[in-house]
Amino acid sequence: MRTEYYLICYDIADKKRLRKVRKVAYGYALGGQKSAVEAPLDAKLLKELVAKLEKLIRDNDKINIIAIEGEPFCFGKADFIGYDKGVIIL
């Protein structure tokens, strides 16, 4: 299966749900900041992540999962973190 990079952004109204969503999102992520994380996912992992997140959110919560085409632009201290077949390249 092909791995693609995704940006997972979330805005969760309840602090308890926020902690749960953050824990799930960071479980798939290479890194990120506050409510936005980068994750290399194949189709199976993406489906699994979406299913887990759907169980946690309510009507007033918001989660965006955005596919990143190509390599992302990195500015300042940001570095691209490569991912190839289970290996993280720093």
Protein backbone atom coordinates (compact mmCIF):
# COMPACT_ATOMS: atom_id res chain seq x y z
CA MET A 1 0.00 0.00 0.00
CA ARG A 2 1.13 3.52 -0.78
CA THR A 3 1.91 5.85 2.13
CA GLU A 4 0.87 9.49 1.84
CA TYR A 5 1.38 12.41 4.19
CA TYR A 6 -1.59 14.01 5.94
CA LEU A 7 -2.05 17.05 8.12
CA ILE A 8 -4.50 16.36 10.94
CA CYS A 9 -5.98 19.54 12.44
CA TYR A 10 -8.51 19.51 15.24
CA ASP A 11 -10.55 21.94 17.33
CA ILE A 12 -12.30 20.09 20.14
CA ALA A 13 -14.70 21.95 22.45
CA ASP A 14 -14.36 19.75 25.54
CA LYS A 15 -10.99 19.38 27.33
CA LYS A 16 -11.55 15.72 28.14
CA ARG A 17 -12.38 14.87 24.50
CA LEU A 18 -9.46 17.05 23.37
CA ARG A 19 -7.02 14.90 25.37
CA LYS A 20 -8.51 11.73 23.85
CA VAL A 21 -8.38 13.10 20.28
CA ARG A 22 -4.80 14.35 20.80
CA LYS A 23 -3.73 10.92 22.07
CA VAL A 24 -5.23 9.18 19.02
CA ALA A 25 -3.82 11.73 16.53
CA TYR A 26 -0.32 11.65 18.00
CA GLY A 27 -0.43 7.85 17.91
CA TYR A 28 -0.25 8.10 14.12
CA ALA A 29 1.90 11.23 13.85
CA LEU A 30 5.57 11.93 13.30
CA GLY A 31 5.25 15.30 14.98
CA GLY A 32 3.29 18.49 15.05
CA GLN A 33 2.25 21.47 17.11
CA LYS A 34 -0.69 21.82 19.45
CA SER A 35 -3.75 20.95 17.35
CA ALA A 36 -2.02 20.13 14.05
CA VAL A 37 0.05 17.00 13.44
CA GLU A 38 1.76 15.40 10.44
CA ALA A 39 1.12 11.72 9.78
CA PRO A 40 2.30 9.26 7.12
CA LEU A 41 -0.68 6.98 6.46
CA ASP A 42 -1.58 4.29 3.99
CA ALA A 43 -5.25 3.69 3.11
CA LYS A 44 -5.71 1.14 5.92
CA LEU A 45 -4.22 3.40 8.61
CA LEU A 46 -6.22 6.39 7.38
CA LYS A 47 -9.45 4.41 7.61
CA GLU A 48 -8.49 3.17 11.09
CA LEU A 49 -7.66 6.71 12.27
CA VAL A 50 -10.93 8.14 10.93
CA ALA A 51 -12.96 5.39 12.64
CA LYS A 52 -11.28 6.08 16.00
CA LEU A 53 -11.74 9.84 15.73
CA GLU A 54 -15.39 9.57 14.66
CA LYS A 55 -16.16 7.74 17.90
CA LEU A 56 -14.72 10.60 19.98
CA ILE A 57 -16.15 13.78 18.48
CA ARG A 58 -19.45 15.59 18.97
CA ASP A 59 -21.37 18.08 16.80
CA ASN A 60 -19.46 21.13 18.06
CA ASP A 61 -16.00 19.58 17.39
CA LYS A 62 -14.02 19.90 14.18
CA ILE A 63 -11.34 17.67 12.63
CA ASN A 64 -9.75 18.18 9.21
CA ILE A 65 -7.49 15.57 7.63
CA ILE A 66 -5.74 17.13 4.67
CA ALA A 67 -3.66 15.17 2.14
CA ILE A 68 -0.27 16.75 1.42
CA GLU A 69 0.70 16.54 -2.24
CA GLY A 70 4.44 16.06 -2.74
CA GLU A 71 6.89 17.16 -0.06
CA PRO A 72 5.73 19.98 2.22
CA PHE A 73 7.43 23.37 2.26
CA CYS A 74 9.39 23.85 5.50
CA PHE A 75 10.35 27.28 6.83
CA GLY A 76 12.37 28.49 9.80
CA LYS A 77 13.37 25.63 12.07
CA ALA A 78 10.93 23.22 10.44
CA ASP A 79 12.44 20.12 8.82
CA PHE A 80 10.79 17.56 6.56
CA ILE A 81 10.60 14.18 8.29
CA GLY A 82 10.80 11.42 5.69
CA TYR A 83 9.04 8.10 6.13
CA ASP A 84 9.89 5.02 4.10
CA LYS A 85 8.60 1.52 4.87
CA GLY A 86 8.46 1.88 8.62
CA VAL A 87 11.65 3.93 8.93
CA ILE A 88 11.63 7.58 10.00
CA ILE A 89 14.41 9.56 8.30
CA LEU A 90 15.51 12.62 10.28
